[in-house]
Amino acid sequence: MAATTLLTSDQFLAMPEEFDQHGNRIKDELIGGEVVKMPPASLPHDLIKNEINELLIEYLRANPQLGLKTLVETGAQVSNLDAFIPDVSVVTRSRLMGEARIFRGAPEIAIEVVSPSDTAKHLKRKVDAYLEAGSRAVWIIYPEARSVMVHTTNSVRELKANQVITDPLLPGFSSPVAAFFELT
């Protein structure tokens, strides 16, 4: 078995972008030094991601004093071996200044919607990398189970249906988990 050469996130970011025969960018991430190609997301995946983003935008517009911004599919150089594209991120606005190609560091809250192509190994690596790099929370959304696993440095909890998701970074924000799946 041939050994896999691991890349650093700087090497990965220096690589040219790849495009398919129709001119669409081929999406990939660096997970633990390994380049992982990502197929286009399904419509249900995108609907869930956008519903979460809309809920967060509404909350953050009503709470500008928090200085937070929500981003959809914005690249993040999380560590020396990890460069991810979280489905949704919540970040401090002041961290978005600069000329970097992608966001530097982990988002305050990283939100990932699980796709059929995601492996347990890669999801675990991503959660661990986000938390080690400073994310306050990582929300892993499971469309088939219609549930959310909320990971923090000292706990993991699962929420379903009418259970309400809250976060200390978002005082006063609450949403039943079912709202994430309204359009699916």
N, C-alpha and C. Protein backbone atom coordinates (compact mmCIF):
# COMPACT_ATOMS: atom_id res chain seq x y z
N MET A 1 0.84 -1.17 0.00
CA MET A 1 0.00 0.00 0.00
C MET A 1 0.88 1.24 0.00
N ALA A 2 0.64 2.15 -0.92
CA ALA A 2 1.43 3.37 -1.03
C ALA A 2 1.04 4.35 0.06
N ALA A 3 2.03 5.04 0.59
CA ALA A 3 1.78 6.04 1.62
C ALA A 3 1.16 7.28 0.98
N THR A 4 0.23 7.89 1.66
CA THR A 4 -0.40 9.12 1.18
C THR A 4 0.42 10.30 1.67
N THR A 5 0.74 11.21 0.77
CA THR A 5 1.46 12.42 1.14
C THR A 5 0.46 13.42 1.68
N LEU A 6 0.70 13.88 2.89
CA LEU A 6 -0.19 14.86 3.50
C LEU A 6 0.25 16.27 3.09
N LEU A 7 -0.71 17.13 2.90
CA LEU A 7 -0.45 18.52 2.57
C LEU A 7 -0.70 19.40 3.78
N THR A 8 -0.01 20.51 3.84
CA THR A 8 -0.35 21.52 4.84
C THR A 8 -1.46 22.38 4.23
N SER A 9 -2.13 23.14 5.07
CA SER A 9 -3.19 24.01 4.55
C SER A 9 -2.59 25.08 3.63
N ASP A 10 -1.38 25.55 3.89
CA ASP A 10 -0.76 26.54 2.99
C ASP A 10 -0.48 25.92 1.62
N GLN A 11 0.00 24.66 1.59
CA GLN A 11 0.23 23.99 0.30
C GLN A 11 -1.10 23.79 -0.44
N PHE A 12 -2.11 23.38 0.30
CA PHE A 12 -3.44 23.16 -0.29
C PHE A 12 -3.98 24.45 -0.90
N LEU A 13 -3.85 25.55 -0.17
CA LEU A 13 -4.39 26.84 -0.65
C LEU A 13 -3.59 27.39 -1.82
N ALA A 14 -2.36 26.94 -1.99
CA ALA A 14 -1.54 27.38 -3.12
C ALA A 14 -1.86 26.61 -4.40
N MET A 15 -2.59 25.51 -4.28
CA MET A 15 -2.94 24.71 -5.46
C MET A 15 -3.94 25.48 -6.33
N PRO A 16 -3.85 25.30 -7.66
CA PRO A 16 -4.83 25.95 -8.52
C PRO A 16 -6.22 25.34 -8.33
N GLU A 17 -7.24 26.14 -8.52
CA GLU A 17 -8.60 25.63 -8.44
C GLU A 17 -8.86 24.71 -9.62
N GLU A 18 -9.72 23.70 -9.41
CA GLU A 18 -10.08 22.77 -10.48
C GLU A 18 -11.53 23.04 -10.89
N PHE A 19 -11.79 22.85 -12.20
CA PHE A 19 -13.12 23.08 -12.74
C PHE A 19 -13.55 21.87 -13.57
N ASP A 20 -14.86 21.59 -13.56
CA ASP A 20 -15.37 20.49 -14.37
C ASP A 20 -15.54 20.95 -15.82
N GLN A 21 -16.05 20.06 -16.67
CA GLN A 21 -16.18 20.35 -18.09
C GLN A 21 -17.18 21.48 -18.37
N HIS A 22 -18.01 21.84 -17.38
CA HIS A 22 -18.99 22.91 -17.55
C HIS A 22 -18.51 24.23 -16.95
N GLY A 23 -17.30 24.23 -16.43
CA GLY A 23 -16.74 25.45 -15.84
C GLY A 23 -17.09 25.65 -14.38
N ASN A 24 -17.72 24.66 -13.74
CA ASN A 24 -18.05 24.76 -12.32
C ASN A 24 -16.85 24.36 -11.48
N ARG A 25 -16.60 25.13 -10.43
CA ARG A 25 -15.48 24.81 -9.54
C ARG A 25 -15.75 23.49 -8.85
N ILE A 26 -14.74 22.64 -8.82
CA ILE A 26 -14.81 21.37 -8.08
C ILE A 26 -14.47 21.70 -6.63
N LYS A 27 -15.40 21.43 -5.74
CA LYS A 27 -15.25 21.77 -4.33
C LYS A 27 -14.44 20.68 -3.63
N ASP A 28 -13.49 21.10 -2.81
CA ASP A 28 -12.72 20.16 -2.01
C ASP A 28 -12.32 20.81 -0.70
N GLU A 29 -11.96 19.97 0.26
CA GLU A 29 -11.50 20.42 1.56
C GLU A 29 -10.22 19.68 1.90
N LEU A 30 -9.46 20.23 2.82
CA LEU A 30 -8.29 19.56 3.35
C LEU A 30 -8.66 19.09 4.76
N ILE A 31 -8.73 17.77 4.93
CA ILE A 31 -9.13 17.19 6.21
C ILE A 31 -7.97 16.35 6.73
N GLY A 32 -7.31 16.82 7.77
CA GLY A 32 -6.18 16.10 8.33
C GLY A 32 -5.05 15.93 7.34
N GLY A 33 -4.87 16.91 6.45
CA GLY A 33 -3.80 16.87 5.46
C GLY A 33 -4.16 16.14 4.18
N GLU A 34 -5.36 15.58 4.11
CA GLU A 34 -5.81 14.82 2.94
C GLU A 34 -6.83 15.65 2.15
N VAL A 35 -6.62 15.76 0.84
CA VAL A 35 -7.58 16.48 -0.02
C VAL A 35 -8.79 15.57 -0.23
N VAL A 36 -9.96 16.09 0.10
CA VAL A 36 -11.21 15.34 -0.03
C VAL A 36 -12.12 16.09 -1.00
N LYS A 37 -12.42 15.46 -2.13
CA LYS A 37 -13.33 16.03 -3.12
C LYS A 37 -14.75 15.92 -2.60
N MET A 38 -15.55 16.94 -2.88
CA MET A 38 -16.92 16.98 -2.39
C MET A 38 -17.88 17.09 -3.56
N PRO A 39 -18.78 16.14 -3.71
CA PRO A 39 -19.75 16.25 -4.79
C PRO A 39 -20.72 17.41 -4.52
N PRO A 40 -21.39 17.89 -5.56
CA PRO A 40 -22.38 18.96 -5.32
C PRO A 40 -23.42 18.51 -4.30
N ALA A 41 -23.83 19.43 -3.48
CA ALA A 41 -24.82 19.13 -2.45
C ALA A 41 -26.19 18.88 -3.09
N SER A 42 -27.00 18.11 -2.39
CA SER A 42 -28.37 17.85 -2.85
C SER A 42 -29.24 19.05 -2.54
N LEU A 43 -30.39 19.11 -3.18
CA LEU A 43 -31.34 20.19 -2.90
C LEU A 43 -31.76 20.19 -1.43
N PRO A 44 -32.13 19.04 -0.83
CA PRO A 44 -32.49 19.07 0.60
C PRO A 44 -31.35 19.61 1.48
N HIS A 45 -30.12 19.23 1.18
CA HIS A 45 -28.95 19.73 1.92
C HIS A 45 -28.91 21.26 1.84
N ASP A 46 -29.03 21.79 0.63
CA ASP A 46 -28.98 23.25 0.45
C ASP A 46 -30.16 23.95 1.12
N LEU A 47 -31.34 23.34 1.08
CA LEU A 47 -32.50 23.95 1.74
C LEU A 47 -32.30 24.03 3.25
N ILE A 48 -31.75 22.98 3.84
CA ILE A 48 -31.48 22.99 5.28
C ILE A 48 -30.45 24.05 5.62
N LYS A 49 -29.37 24.07 4.88
CA LYS A 49 -28.29 25.04 5.11
C LYS A 49 -28.84 26.47 5.02
N ASN A 50 -29.63 26.74 4.01
CA ASN A 50 -30.17 28.09 3.83
C ASN A 50 -31.21 28.44 4.88
N GLU A 51 -31.99 27.48 5.33
CA GLU A 51 -32.98 27.75 6.39
C GLU A 51 -32.26 28.14 7.68
N ILE A 52 -31.20 27.40 8.04
CA ILE A 52 -30.41 27.74 9.23
C ILE A 52 -29.82 29.13 9.09
N ASN A 53 -29.25 29.42 7.92
CA ASN A 53 -28.66 30.72 7.69
C ASN A 53 -29.70 31.84 7.83
N GLU A 54 -30.89 31.64 7.28
CA GLU A 54 -31.94 32.66 7.37
C GLU A 54 -32.34 32.91 8.83
N LEU A 55 -32.46 31.85 9.62
CA LEU A 55 -32.79 32.01 11.03
C LEU A 55 -31.71 32.82 11.75
N LEU A 56 -30.46 32.52 11.44
CA LEU A 56 -29.35 33.24 12.07
C LEU A 56 -29.27 34.69 11.60
N ILE A 57 -29.49 34.93 10.31
CA ILE A 57 -29.46 36.31 9.79
C ILE A 57 -30.53 37.15 10.50
N GLU A 58 -31.73 36.61 10.61
CA GLU A 58 -32.82 37.34 11.28
C GLU A 58 -32.42 37.69 12.71
N TYR A 59 -31.87 36.73 13.43
CA TYR A 59 -31.44 36.96 14.81
C TYR A 59 -30.31 38.00 14.87
N LEU A 60 -29.29 37.85 14.02
CA LEU A 60 -28.14 38.75 14.08
C LEU A 60 -28.49 40.17 13.65
N ARG A 61 -29.41 40.33 12.72
CA ARG A 61 -29.85 41.69 12.33
C ARG A 61 -30.56 42.37 13.50
N ALA A 62 -31.26 41.60 14.30
CA ALA A 62 -31.94 42.16 15.46
C ALA A 62 -30.98 42.39 16.64
N ASN A 63 -29.76 41.87 16.53
CA ASN A 63 -28.77 41.96 17.61
C ASN A 63 -27.41 42.41 17.09
N PRO A 64 -27.34 43.58 16.43
CA PRO A 64 -26.06 44.02 15.84
C PRO A 64 -24.98 44.27 16.88
N GLN A 65 -25.36 44.51 18.12
CA GLN A 65 -24.38 44.78 19.18
C GLN A 65 -23.46 43.58 19.43
N LEU A 66 -23.86 42.39 18.96
CA LEU A 66 -23.03 41.21 19.15
C LEU A 66 -21.81 41.20 18.23
N GLY A 67 -21.87 41.97 17.14
CA GLY A 67 -20.74 42.04 16.22
C GLY A 67 -20.46 40.74 15.50
N LEU A 68 -21.52 39.96 15.23
CA LEU A 68 -21.36 38.67 14.57
C LEU A 68 -21.95 38.70 13.17
N LYS A 69 -21.44 37.82 12.32
CA LYS A 69 -21.90 37.69 10.94
C LYS A 69 -22.06 36.21 10.65
N THR A 70 -23.06 35.88 9.84
CA THR A 70 -23.23 34.51 9.39
C THR A 70 -22.75 34.41 7.94
N LEU A 71 -22.05 33.33 7.64
CA LEU A 71 -21.49 33.11 6.30
C LEU A 71 -21.92 31.73 5.81
N VAL A 72 -22.15 31.62 4.51
CA VAL A 72 -22.50 30.34 3.90
C VAL A 72 -21.35 29.91 3.01
N GLU A 73 -20.89 28.68 3.23
CA GLU A 73 -19.83 28.07 2.42
C GLU A 73 -18.65 28.99 2.17
N THR A 74 -18.15 29.59 3.24
CA THR A 74 -16.96 30.42 3.17
C THR A 74 -15.79 29.61 3.72
N GLY A 75 -14.73 29.48 2.93
CA GLY A 75 -13.58 28.68 3.34
C GLY A 75 -12.94 29.18 4.61
N ALA A 76 -12.43 28.23 5.41
CA ALA A 76 -11.76 28.56 6.67
C ALA A 76 -10.50 27.72 6.80
N GLN A 77 -9.37 28.39 6.98
CA GLN A 77 -8.11 27.70 7.25
C GLN A 77 -8.07 27.48 8.76
N VAL A 78 -8.49 26.30 9.17
CA VAL A 78 -8.72 25.99 10.58
C VAL A 78 -7.42 25.64 11.30
N SER A 79 -6.53 24.92 10.63
CA SER A 79 -5.26 24.53 11.26
C SER A 79 -4.23 24.31 10.15
N ASN A 80 -3.05 23.86 10.55
CA ASN A 80 -1.99 23.61 9.58
C ASN A 80 -2.33 22.47 8.63
N LEU A 81 -3.25 21.57 9.02
CA LEU A 81 -3.62 20.43 8.18
C LEU A 81 -5.10 20.42 7.77
N ASP A 82 -5.81 21.52 8.07
CA ASP A 82 -7.24 21.54 7.83
C ASP A 82 -7.71 22.86 7.22
N ALA A 83 -8.39 22.75 6.09
CA ALA A 83 -9.04 23.89 5.44
C ALA A 83 -10.42 23.40 5.02
N PHE A 84 -11.44 23.92 5.69
CA PHE A 84 -12.80 23.44 5.51
C PHE A 84 -13.68 24.50 4.85
N ILE A 85 -14.82 24.04 4.38
CA ILE A 85 -15.86 24.94 3.87
C ILE A 85 -17.13 24.61 4.66
N PRO A 86 -17.28 25.20 5.86
CA PRO A 86 -18.48 24.90 6.63
C PRO A 86 -19.73 25.33 5.86
N ASP A 87 -20.81 24.58 6.03
CA ASP A 87 -22.05 24.96 5.37
C ASP A 87 -22.50 26.33 5.84
N VAL A 88 -22.45 26.58 7.13
CA VAL A 88 -22.78 27.88 7.71
C VAL A 88 -21.77 28.15 8.82
N SER A 89 -21.34 29.39 8.93
CA SER A 89 -20.43 29.79 10.00
C SER A 89 -20.98 31.04 10.68
N VAL A 90 -20.73 31.15 11.97
CA VAL A 90 -20.97 32.39 12.69
C VAL A 90 -19.60 32.88 13.12
N VAL A 91 -19.26 34.11 12.72
CA VAL A 91 -17.94 34.66 13.01
C VAL A 91 -18.07 36.08 13.54
N THR A 92 -17.05 36.48 14.27
CA THR A 92 -16.97 37.86 14.73
C THR A 92 -16.61 38.73 13.53
N ARG A 93 -17.39 39.79 13.31
CA ARG A 93 -17.19 40.67 12.15
C ARG A 93 -15.75 41.19 12.06
N SER A 94 -15.16 41.52 13.19
CA SER A 94 -13.81 42.09 13.18
C SER A 94 -12.77 41.13 12.63
N ARG A 95 -13.05 39.84 12.64
CA ARG A 95 -12.11 38.84 12.11
C ARG A 95 -12.16 38.72 10.60
N LEU A 96 -13.10 39.40 9.97
CA LEU A 96 -13.26 39.28 8.51
C LEU A 96 -12.45 40.31 7.73
N MET A 97 -11.74 41.16 8.41
CA MET A 97 -10.94 42.18 7.72
C MET A 97 -9.65 41.54 7.20
N GLY A 98 -9.16 42.06 6.09
CA GLY A 98 -7.89 41.58 5.57
C GLY A 98 -8.00 41.07 4.15
N GLU A 99 -6.88 40.65 3.64
CA GLU A 99 -6.77 40.25 2.23
C GLU A 99 -6.58 38.75 2.04
N ALA A 100 -6.74 37.95 3.07
CA ALA A 100 -6.52 36.51 2.96
C ALA A 100 -7.48 35.90 1.95
N ARG A 101 -7.03 34.84 1.28
CA ARG A 101 -7.86 34.15 0.30
C ARG A 101 -9.10 33.54 0.94
N ILE A 102 -8.93 32.96 2.13
CA ILE A 102 -10.06 32.42 2.88
C ILE A 102 -9.95 32.88 4.32
N PHE A 103 -11.00 32.68 5.07
CA PHE A 103 -11.07 33.05 6.47
C PHE A 103 -9.99 32.31 7.26
N ARG A 104 -9.26 33.01 8.09
CA ARG A 104 -8.19 32.40 8.90
C ARG A 104 -8.73 32.03 10.28
N GLY A 105 -8.53 30.79 10.67
CA GLY A 105 -8.98 30.31 11.97
C GLY A 105 -10.35 29.67 11.90
N ALA A 106 -10.77 29.15 13.02
CA ALA A 106 -12.06 28.47 13.11
C ALA A 106 -13.16 29.50 13.36
N PRO A 107 -14.34 29.27 12.77
CA PRO A 107 -15.46 30.16 13.09
C PRO A 107 -15.88 29.98 14.54
N GLU A 108 -16.53 30.99 15.10
CA GLU A 108 -17.01 30.86 16.47
C GLU A 108 -18.01 29.71 16.59
N ILE A 109 -18.93 29.61 15.61
CA ILE A 109 -19.82 28.45 15.52
C ILE A 109 -19.70 27.91 14.10
N ALA A 110 -19.37 26.63 13.98
CA ALA A 110 -19.30 25.96 12.68
C ALA A 110 -20.52 25.05 12.57
N ILE A 111 -21.19 25.12 11.42
CA ILE A 111 -22.39 24.32 11.21
C ILE A 111 -22.19 23.49 9.95
N GLU A 112 -22.28 22.19 10.10
CA GLU A 112 -22.09 21.25 8.99
C GLU A 112 -23.35 20.42 8.80
N VAL A 113 -23.87 20.39 7.58
CA VAL A 113 -25.00 19.53 7.24
C VAL A 113 -24.41 18.26 6.65
N VAL A 114 -24.72 17.12 7.23
CA VAL A 114 -24.14 15.85 6.81
C VAL A 114 -24.69 15.44 5.44
N SER A 115 -23.79 15.05 4.55
CA SER A 115 -24.13 14.55 3.22
C SER A 115 -23.85 13.05 3.17
N PRO A 116 -24.46 12.34 2.23
CA PRO A 116 -24.19 10.90 2.11
C PRO A 116 -22.70 10.59 1.89
N SER A 117 -21.96 11.52 1.30
CA SER A 117 -20.54 11.27 1.04
C SER A 117 -19.65 11.52 2.26
N ASP A 118 -20.19 12.11 3.33
CA ASP A 118 -19.39 12.36 4.54
C ASP A 118 -19.12 11.04 5.26
N THR A 119 -17.89 10.89 5.74
CA THR A 119 -17.56 9.70 6.52
C THR A 119 -17.49 10.08 8.00
N ALA A 120 -17.71 9.11 8.86
CA ALA A 120 -17.63 9.34 10.31
C ALA A 120 -16.23 9.84 10.68
N LYS A 121 -15.21 9.27 10.04
CA LYS A 121 -13.83 9.67 10.31
C LYS A 121 -13.61 11.14 10.00
N HIS A 122 -14.08 11.58 8.83
CA HIS A 122 -13.89 12.98 8.44
C HIS A 122 -14.71 13.92 9.31
N LEU A 123 -15.95 13.53 9.65
CA LEU A 123 -16.77 14.38 10.53
C LEU A 123 -16.11 14.54 11.89
N LYS A 124 -15.60 13.45 12.45
CA LYS A 124 -14.93 13.52 13.76
C LYS A 124 -13.71 14.42 13.69
N ARG A 125 -12.92 14.28 12.63
CA ARG A 125 -11.73 15.11 12.45
C ARG A 125 -12.12 16.58 12.38
N LYS A 126 -13.19 16.87 11.63
CA LYS A 126 -13.61 18.26 11.48
C LYS A 126 -14.09 18.84 12.81
N VAL A 127 -14.91 18.10 13.54
CA VAL A 127 -15.38 18.58 14.84
C VAL A 127 -14.19 18.85 15.75
N ASP A 128 -13.27 17.88 15.85
CA ASP A 128 -12.10 18.04 16.72
C ASP A 128 -11.25 19.24 16.29
N ALA A 129 -11.02 19.38 14.99
CA ALA A 129 -10.19 20.49 14.49
C ALA A 129 -10.85 21.84 14.79
N TYR A 130 -12.14 21.94 14.55
CA TYR A 130 -12.84 23.20 14.85
C TYR A 130 -12.69 23.56 16.32
N LEU A 131 -12.96 22.61 17.21
CA LEU A 131 -12.91 22.90 18.64
C LEU A 131 -11.49 23.20 19.11
N GLU A 132 -10.51 22.44 18.61
CA GLU A 132 -9.12 22.69 18.98
C GLU A 132 -8.64 24.06 18.51
N ALA A 133 -9.21 24.54 17.39
CA ALA A 133 -8.80 25.84 16.83
C ALA A 133 -9.61 27.00 17.39
N GLY A 134 -10.52 26.73 18.31
CA GLY A 134 -11.21 27.82 18.99
C GLY A 134 -12.70 27.98 18.75
N SER A 135 -13.31 27.12 17.95
CA SER A 135 -14.76 27.22 17.80
C SER A 135 -15.41 27.02 19.17
N ARG A 136 -16.42 27.82 19.44
CA ARG A 136 -17.16 27.69 20.70
C ARG A 136 -18.13 26.51 20.63
N ALA A 137 -18.64 26.25 19.41
CA ALA A 137 -19.58 25.14 19.22
C ALA A 137 -19.52 24.68 17.77
N VAL A 138 -19.84 23.41 17.57
CA VAL A 138 -19.97 22.83 16.23
C VAL A 138 -21.33 22.14 16.21
N TRP A 139 -22.17 22.56 15.26
CA TRP A 139 -23.48 21.94 15.10
C TRP A 139 -23.40 21.00 13.91
N ILE A 140 -23.63 19.73 14.13
CA ILE A 140 -23.66 18.75 13.04
C ILE A 140 -25.13 18.40 12.81
N ILE A 141 -25.60 18.70 11.61
CA ILE A 141 -27.00 18.52 11.25
C ILE A 141 -27.14 17.19 10.51
N TYR A 142 -28.03 16.34 10.99
CA TYR A 142 -28.29 15.04 10.37
C TYR A 142 -29.67 15.07 9.70
N PRO A 143 -29.71 15.30 8.37
CA PRO A 143 -30.99 15.41 7.68
C PRO A 143 -31.89 14.19 7.81
N GLU A 144 -31.34 12.99 7.68
CA GLU A 144 -32.18 11.79 7.73
C GLU A 144 -32.80 11.60 9.11
N ALA A 145 -32.05 11.86 10.16
CA ALA A 145 -32.57 11.73 11.52
C ALA A 145 -33.31 12.98 11.97
N ARG A 146 -33.18 14.05 11.18
CA ARG A 146 -33.78 15.34 11.51
C ARG A 146 -33.36 15.76 12.93
N SER A 147 -32.04 15.68 13.15
CA SER A 147 -31.49 16.00 14.47
C SER A 147 -30.23 16.82 14.33
N VAL A 148 -29.80 17.38 15.45
CA VAL A 148 -28.58 18.18 15.53
C VAL A 148 -27.77 17.67 16.70
N MET A 149 -26.48 17.43 16.46
CA MET A 149 -25.54 17.14 17.54
C MET A 149 -24.75 18.42 17.77
N VAL A 150 -24.83 18.95 18.98
CA VAL A 150 -24.11 20.17 19.33
C VAL A 150 -22.89 19.77 20.13
N HIS A 151 -21.72 20.05 19.56
CA HIS A 151 -20.44 19.72 20.19
C HIS A 151 -19.82 20.99 20.76
N THR A 152 -19.36 20.91 22.01
CA THR A 152 -18.54 21.96 22.60
C THR A 152 -17.32 21.26 23.19
N THR A 153 -16.41 22.03 23.75
CA THR A 153 -15.20 21.40 24.28
C THR A 153 -15.49 20.46 25.45
N ASN A 154 -16.61 20.65 26.15
CA ASN A 154 -16.88 19.79 27.29
C ASN A 154 -18.22 19.06 27.24
N SER A 155 -18.89 19.06 26.08
CA SER A 155 -20.14 18.29 26.02
C SER A 155 -20.57 18.03 24.58
N VAL A 156 -21.43 17.04 24.44
CA VAL A 156 -22.10 16.73 23.18
C VAL A 156 -23.54 16.46 23.55
N ARG A 157 -24.45 17.12 22.83
CA ARG A 157 -25.86 16.84 23.09
C ARG A 157 -26.61 16.74 21.78
N GLU A 158 -27.62 15.87 21.77
CA GLU A 158 -28.44 15.68 20.58
C GLU A 158 -29.79 16.34 20.81
N LEU A 159 -30.25 17.05 19.77
CA LEU A 159 -31.54 17.71 19.82
C LEU A 159 -32.37 17.27 18.63
N LYS A 160 -33.67 17.06 18.86
CA LYS A 160 -34.57 16.62 17.80
C LYS A 160 -35.88 17.40 17.87
N ALA A 161 -36.61 17.38 16.76
CA ALA A 161 -38.00 17.84 16.66
C ALA A 161 -38.21 19.20 17.31
N ASN A 162 -39.04 19.24 18.35
CA ASN A 162 -39.38 20.51 18.99
C ASN A 162 -38.43 20.91 20.10
N GLN A 163 -37.34 20.12 20.28
CA GLN A 163 -36.32 20.56 21.23
C GLN A 163 -35.69 21.83 20.67
N VAL A 164 -35.36 22.74 21.56
CA VAL A 164 -34.90 24.06 21.15
C VAL A 164 -33.38 24.12 21.20
N ILE A 165 -32.81 24.65 20.11
CA ILE A 165 -31.36 24.87 20.07
C ILE A 165 -31.08 26.30 20.51
N THR A 166 -30.14 26.44 21.42
CA THR A 166 -29.68 27.74 21.90
C THR A 166 -28.16 27.69 21.89
N ASP A 167 -27.54 28.85 22.10
CA ASP A 167 -26.08 28.89 22.19
C ASP A 167 -25.68 30.10 23.03
N PRO A 168 -24.75 29.94 23.97
CA PRO A 168 -24.32 31.07 24.79
C PRO A 168 -23.78 32.25 23.97
N LEU A 169 -23.21 31.98 22.80
CA LEU A 169 -22.70 33.06 21.95
C LEU A 169 -23.83 33.88 21.35
N LEU A 170 -25.04 33.30 21.33
CA LEU A 170 -26.20 33.94 20.72
C LEU A 170 -27.29 34.13 21.78
N PRO A 171 -27.09 35.05 22.73
CA PRO A 171 -28.06 35.20 23.82
C PRO A 171 -29.44 35.56 23.27
N GLY A 172 -30.43 34.80 23.70
CA GLY A 172 -31.80 35.04 23.26
C GLY A 172 -32.18 34.30 21.99
N PHE A 173 -31.22 33.71 21.30
CA PHE A 173 -31.56 32.93 20.11
C PHE A 173 -32.08 31.58 20.55
N SER A 174 -33.19 31.18 19.94
CA SER A 174 -33.69 29.83 20.16
C SER A 174 -34.54 29.45 18.96
N SER A 175 -34.41 28.20 18.58
CA SER A 175 -35.20 27.69 17.46
C SER A 175 -35.45 26.21 17.69
N PRO A 176 -36.68 25.77 17.45
CA PRO A 176 -36.88 24.33 17.47
C PRO A 176 -36.09 23.70 16.33
N VAL A 177 -35.49 22.57 16.58
CA VAL A 177 -34.71 21.89 15.56
C VAL A 177 -35.56 21.62 14.32
N ALA A 178 -36.83 21.35 14.49
CA ALA A 178 -37.72 21.07 13.36
C ALA A 178 -37.73 22.21 12.35
N ALA A 179 -37.48 23.44 12.80
CA ALA A 179 -37.48 24.59 11.88
C ALA A 179 -36.38 24.47 10.83
N PHE A 180 -35.30 23.78 11.15
CA PHE A 180 -34.20 23.60 10.19
C PHE A 180 -34.64 22.77 8.99
N PHE A 181 -35.66 21.95 9.20
CA PHE A 181 -36.05 20.97 8.18
C PHE A 181 -37.41 21.30 7.54
N GLU A 182 -37.91 22.51 7.72
CA GLU A 182 -39.25 22.87 7.27
C GLU A 182 -39.48 22.64 5.77
N LEU A 183 -38.48 22.88 4.96
CA LEU A 183 -38.65 22.79 3.51
C LEU A 183 -38.28 21.43 2.94
N THR A 184 -37.90 20.48 3.81
CA THR A 184 -37.49 19.17 3.31
C THR A 184 -38.49 18.10 3.69
